[in-house]
Amino acid sequence: MVAGMPDGVIAGLTSLDEMGIPSRLASASDLPGCHQGWVTELATAWLQTLDATALTEVELFACGSAPLLNATTQVANRFGVACQLSQDTAQQPL
């Protein structure tokens, strides 16, 4: 379990979990164990549960379309956390 995650959000990436990096998934496809909605909504819900000290240890990573990267940047700015972004080159530029 990842502290601060909404109830029922239990799906994660095994490869990250095995490296000691907790992860949880979001999906608009009604997949079991996933947050039903945007990943940035899930990140916001989790980040709201952290105190200022914990937030200093957080960094967001996102790869995808310009709208996703813009939304991720907004979340990172709102909570004052670092973020690294990689744009899907098949998408429109930022």
N, C-alpha and C. Protein backbone atom coordinates (compact mmCIF):
# COMPACT_ATOMS: atom_id res chain seq x y z
N MET A 1 0.84 -1.19 0.00
CA MET A 1 0.00 0.00 0.00
C MET A 1 0.89 1.25 0.00
N VAL A 2 0.41 2.28 -0.62
CA VAL A 2 1.10 3.57 -0.64
C VAL A 2 0.29 4.53 0.22
N ALA A 3 0.92 5.03 1.28
CA ALA A 3 0.24 5.94 2.19
C ALA A 3 -0.25 7.16 1.43
N GLY A 4 -1.48 7.59 1.74
CA GLY A 4 -2.04 8.78 1.12
C GLY A 4 -2.80 8.55 -0.17
N MET A 5 -2.76 7.32 -0.68
CA MET A 5 -3.50 7.02 -1.92
C MET A 5 -4.97 6.83 -1.59
N PRO A 6 -5.85 7.22 -2.50
CA PRO A 6 -7.28 6.98 -2.29
C PRO A 6 -7.56 5.48 -2.14
N ASP A 7 -8.60 5.17 -1.38
CA ASP A 7 -9.00 3.77 -1.19
C ASP A 7 -9.22 3.08 -2.52
N GLY A 8 -8.77 1.85 -2.62
CA GLY A 8 -8.98 1.04 -3.81
C GLY A 8 -7.95 1.22 -4.91
N VAL A 9 -7.09 2.22 -4.80
CA VAL A 9 -6.05 2.42 -5.81
C VAL A 9 -4.85 1.59 -5.40
N ILE A 10 -4.78 0.38 -5.97
CA ILE A 10 -3.75 -0.58 -5.57
C ILE A 10 -2.89 -1.07 -6.72
N ALA A 11 -3.28 -0.79 -7.95
CA ALA A 11 -2.50 -1.24 -9.11
C ALA A 11 -1.24 -0.40 -9.25
N GLY A 12 -0.12 -1.07 -9.48
CA GLY A 12 1.14 -0.35 -9.64
C GLY A 12 2.04 -1.07 -10.63
N LEU A 13 3.21 -0.51 -10.84
CA LEU A 13 4.20 -1.10 -11.74
C LEU A 13 5.15 -1.97 -10.92
N THR A 14 5.10 -3.27 -11.14
CA THR A 14 5.92 -4.20 -10.39
C THR A 14 7.40 -3.85 -10.47
N SER A 15 7.87 -3.46 -11.64
CA SER A 15 9.30 -3.15 -11.80
C SER A 15 9.73 -1.99 -10.90
N LEU A 16 8.89 -0.99 -10.74
CA LEU A 16 9.22 0.12 -9.84
C LEU A 16 9.14 -0.33 -8.38
N ASP A 17 8.08 -1.05 -8.05
CA ASP A 17 7.92 -1.53 -6.68
C ASP A 17 9.11 -2.39 -6.25
N GLU A 18 9.61 -3.22 -7.16
CA GLU A 18 10.77 -4.07 -6.85
C GLU A 18 12.03 -3.26 -6.57
N MET A 19 12.10 -2.03 -7.11
CA MET A 19 13.25 -1.15 -6.87
C MET A 19 13.02 -0.26 -5.65
N GLY A 20 11.91 -0.47 -4.94
CA GLY A 20 11.62 0.32 -3.76
C GLY A 20 10.97 1.66 -4.08
N ILE A 21 10.46 1.80 -5.30
CA ILE A 21 9.79 3.04 -5.71
C ILE A 21 8.29 2.75 -5.77
N PRO A 22 7.54 3.25 -4.79
CA PRO A 22 6.10 2.97 -4.81
C PRO A 22 5.44 3.62 -6.02
N SER A 23 4.49 2.93 -6.61
CA SER A 23 3.78 3.48 -7.76
C SER A 23 2.32 3.07 -7.70
N ARG A 24 1.48 3.87 -8.32
CA ARG A 24 0.08 3.56 -8.49
C ARG A 24 -0.34 4.06 -9.86
N LEU A 25 -1.37 3.43 -10.43
CA LEU A 25 -1.77 3.71 -11.80
C LEU A 25 -3.12 4.42 -11.87
N ALA A 26 -3.28 5.22 -12.89
CA ALA A 26 -4.55 5.88 -13.20
C ALA A 26 -4.97 5.47 -14.61
N SER A 27 -6.28 5.38 -14.83
CA SER A 27 -6.78 4.98 -16.14
C SER A 27 -8.18 5.51 -16.35
N ALA A 28 -8.46 5.90 -17.55
CA ALA A 28 -9.83 6.29 -17.92
C ALA A 28 -10.60 5.10 -18.47
N SER A 29 -10.00 3.92 -18.42
CA SER A 29 -10.60 2.72 -19.00
C SER A 29 -11.22 1.79 -17.98
N ASP A 30 -11.46 2.28 -16.77
CA ASP A 30 -12.12 1.49 -15.72
C ASP A 30 -11.37 0.19 -15.41
N LEU A 31 -10.04 0.27 -15.36
CA LEU A 31 -9.23 -0.91 -15.04
C LEU A 31 -9.22 -1.16 -13.54
N PRO A 32 -9.32 -2.41 -13.11
CA PRO A 32 -9.37 -2.72 -11.68
C PRO A 32 -8.11 -2.25 -10.96
N GLY A 33 -8.30 -1.65 -9.79
CA GLY A 33 -7.19 -1.22 -8.96
C GLY A 33 -6.57 0.11 -9.35
N CYS A 34 -7.00 0.67 -10.48
CA CYS A 34 -6.46 1.95 -10.95
C CYS A 34 -7.37 3.09 -10.49
N HIS A 35 -6.76 4.27 -10.33
CA HIS A 35 -7.55 5.48 -10.12
C HIS A 35 -8.34 5.72 -11.39
N GLN A 36 -9.63 5.98 -11.27
CA GLN A 36 -10.47 6.22 -12.43
C GLN A 36 -10.43 7.70 -12.79
N GLY A 37 -9.52 8.07 -13.66
CA GLY A 37 -9.39 9.47 -14.06
C GLY A 37 -7.97 9.76 -14.49
N TRP A 38 -7.64 11.05 -14.51
CA TRP A 38 -6.32 11.50 -14.95
C TRP A 38 -5.26 11.22 -13.90
N VAL A 39 -4.07 10.91 -14.34
CA VAL A 39 -2.95 10.66 -13.43
C VAL A 39 -2.63 11.92 -12.62
N THR A 40 -2.84 13.08 -13.19
CA THR A 40 -2.58 14.32 -12.45
C THR A 40 -3.58 14.51 -11.31
N GLU A 41 -4.80 13.99 -11.46
CA GLU A 41 -5.77 14.01 -10.36
C GLU A 41 -5.28 13.12 -9.22
N LEU A 42 -4.77 11.96 -9.58
CA LEU A 42 -4.24 11.03 -8.58
C LEU A 42 -3.03 11.63 -7.87
N ALA A 43 -2.14 12.24 -8.64
CA ALA A 43 -0.96 12.86 -8.04
C ALA A 43 -1.37 13.98 -7.08
N THR A 44 -2.33 14.79 -7.48
CA THR A 44 -2.80 15.87 -6.62
C THR A 44 -3.39 15.33 -5.32
N ALA A 45 -4.22 14.30 -5.42
CA ALA A 45 -4.82 13.70 -4.22
C ALA A 45 -3.74 13.20 -3.26
N TRP A 46 -2.70 12.58 -3.81
CA TRP A 46 -1.62 12.06 -2.97
C TRP A 46 -0.78 13.19 -2.40
N LEU A 47 -0.38 14.15 -3.22
CA LEU A 47 0.47 15.24 -2.76
C LEU A 47 -0.20 16.05 -1.66
N GLN A 48 -1.52 16.16 -1.68
CA GLN A 48 -2.25 16.89 -0.65
C GLN A 48 -2.11 16.25 0.72
N THR A 49 -1.74 14.97 0.76
CA THR A 49 -1.62 14.27 2.05
C THR A 49 -0.23 14.43 2.66
N LEU A 50 0.71 15.00 1.91
CA LEU A 50 2.10 15.09 2.37
C LEU A 50 2.37 16.41 3.08
N ASP A 51 3.24 16.35 4.08
CA ASP A 51 3.65 17.59 4.74
C ASP A 51 4.82 18.21 3.98
N ALA A 52 5.24 19.40 4.42
CA ALA A 52 6.28 20.15 3.70
C ALA A 52 7.59 19.37 3.62
N THR A 53 7.95 18.64 4.66
CA THR A 53 9.19 17.87 4.65
C THR A 53 9.12 16.75 3.62
N ALA A 54 8.01 16.03 3.59
CA ALA A 54 7.84 14.94 2.63
C ALA A 54 7.85 15.46 1.19
N LEU A 55 7.27 16.63 0.97
CA LEU A 55 7.24 17.18 -0.39
C LEU A 55 8.63 17.47 -0.93
N THR A 56 9.60 17.73 -0.05
CA THR A 56 10.97 18.00 -0.53
C THR A 56 11.61 16.75 -1.12
N GLU A 57 11.03 15.59 -0.85
CA GLU A 57 11.58 14.32 -1.34
C GLU A 57 10.87 13.82 -2.59
N VAL A 58 9.92 14.59 -3.10
CA VAL A 58 9.10 14.17 -4.24
C VAL A 58 9.62 14.80 -5.53
N GLU A 59 9.62 13.99 -6.59
CA GLU A 59 9.88 14.49 -7.92
C GLU A 59 8.91 13.80 -8.86
N LEU A 60 8.24 14.56 -9.69
CA LEU A 60 7.30 14.01 -10.66
C LEU A 60 8.01 13.76 -11.98
N PHE A 61 7.66 12.65 -12.62
CA PHE A 61 8.18 12.31 -13.94
C PHE A 61 6.99 12.06 -14.85
N ALA A 62 7.04 12.62 -16.05
CA ALA A 62 5.95 12.40 -17.00
C ALA A 62 6.50 12.34 -18.41
N CYS A 63 5.89 11.47 -19.20
CA CYS A 63 6.22 11.35 -20.61
C CYS A 63 4.90 11.26 -21.35
N GLY A 64 4.73 12.10 -22.36
CA GLY A 64 3.49 12.03 -23.11
C GLY A 64 3.24 13.27 -23.93
N SER A 65 1.97 13.56 -24.09
CA SER A 65 1.53 14.67 -24.93
C SER A 65 1.71 16.01 -24.21
N ALA A 66 1.65 17.07 -24.99
CA ALA A 66 1.78 18.42 -24.43
C ALA A 66 0.74 18.71 -23.34
N PRO A 67 -0.53 18.34 -23.52
CA PRO A 67 -1.49 18.61 -22.44
C PRO A 67 -1.13 17.89 -21.13
N LEU A 68 -0.67 16.66 -21.22
CA LEU A 68 -0.25 15.94 -20.02
C LEU A 68 0.94 16.63 -19.37
N LEU A 69 1.91 17.02 -20.16
CA LEU A 69 3.10 17.66 -19.61
C LEU A 69 2.77 19.01 -19.00
N ASN A 70 1.88 19.76 -19.63
CA ASN A 70 1.45 21.04 -19.06
C ASN A 70 0.72 20.82 -17.73
N ALA A 71 -0.16 19.83 -17.67
CA ALA A 71 -0.89 19.54 -16.43
C ALA A 71 0.07 19.08 -15.33
N THR A 72 1.06 18.28 -15.69
CA THR A 72 2.06 17.82 -14.72
C THR A 72 2.86 19.00 -14.18
N THR A 73 3.24 19.90 -15.06
CA THR A 73 3.98 21.10 -14.63
C THR A 73 3.14 21.92 -13.65
N GLN A 74 1.86 22.06 -13.92
CA GLN A 74 0.97 22.81 -13.02
C GLN A 74 0.90 22.15 -11.65
N VAL A 75 0.80 20.83 -11.61
CA VAL A 75 0.77 20.11 -10.33
C VAL A 75 2.08 20.31 -9.58
N ALA A 76 3.20 20.16 -10.28
CA ALA A 76 4.51 20.34 -9.65
C ALA A 76 4.65 21.74 -9.09
N ASN A 77 4.25 22.74 -9.85
CA ASN A 77 4.33 24.13 -9.39
C ASN A 77 3.43 24.37 -8.18
N ARG A 78 2.24 23.82 -8.21
CA ARG A 78 1.29 24.00 -7.10
C ARG A 78 1.87 23.50 -5.78
N PHE A 79 2.59 22.36 -5.84
CA PHE A 79 3.11 21.76 -4.62
C PHE A 79 4.59 22.05 -4.39
N GLY A 80 5.21 22.78 -5.31
CA GLY A 80 6.62 23.14 -5.15
C GLY A 80 7.55 21.95 -5.22
N VAL A 81 7.23 20.98 -6.08
CA VAL A 81 8.08 19.80 -6.23
C VAL A 81 8.76 19.83 -7.59
N ALA A 82 9.89 19.16 -7.67
CA ALA A 82 10.62 19.06 -8.94
C ALA A 82 9.86 18.16 -9.91
N CYS A 83 10.09 18.39 -11.20
CA CYS A 83 9.51 17.48 -12.19
C CYS A 83 10.43 17.39 -13.39
N GLN A 84 10.40 16.23 -14.02
CA GLN A 84 11.12 15.99 -15.27
C GLN A 84 10.11 15.53 -16.31
N LEU A 85 10.20 16.12 -17.49
CA LEU A 85 9.22 15.86 -18.53
C LEU A 85 9.91 15.39 -19.80
N SER A 86 9.23 14.50 -20.53
CA SER A 86 9.72 14.05 -21.82
C SER A 86 8.52 14.02 -22.76
N GLN A 87 8.60 14.75 -23.85
CA GLN A 87 7.48 14.83 -24.77
C GLN A 87 7.51 13.70 -25.78
N ASP A 88 6.34 13.13 -26.01
CA ASP A 88 6.15 12.16 -27.08
C ASP A 88 6.38 12.90 -28.39
N THR A 89 7.40 12.54 -29.12
CA THR A 89 7.77 13.29 -30.34
C THR A 89 6.72 13.18 -31.44
N ALA A 90 5.78 12.27 -31.32
CA ALA A 90 4.72 12.17 -32.31
C ALA A 90 3.60 13.18 -32.03
N GLN A 91 3.68 13.87 -30.91
CA GLN A 91 2.66 14.83 -30.51
C GLN A 91 3.07 16.24 -30.90
N GLN A 92 2.16 17.17 -30.76
CA GLN A 92 2.42 18.59 -31.02
C GLN A 92 3.39 19.14 -29.98
N PRO A 93 4.25 20.10 -30.35
CA PRO A 93 5.17 20.70 -29.38
C PRO A 93 4.45 21.49 -28.30
N LEU A 94 5.14 21.68 -27.17
CA LEU A 94 4.57 22.43 -26.06
C LEU A 94 4.26 23.82 -26.43
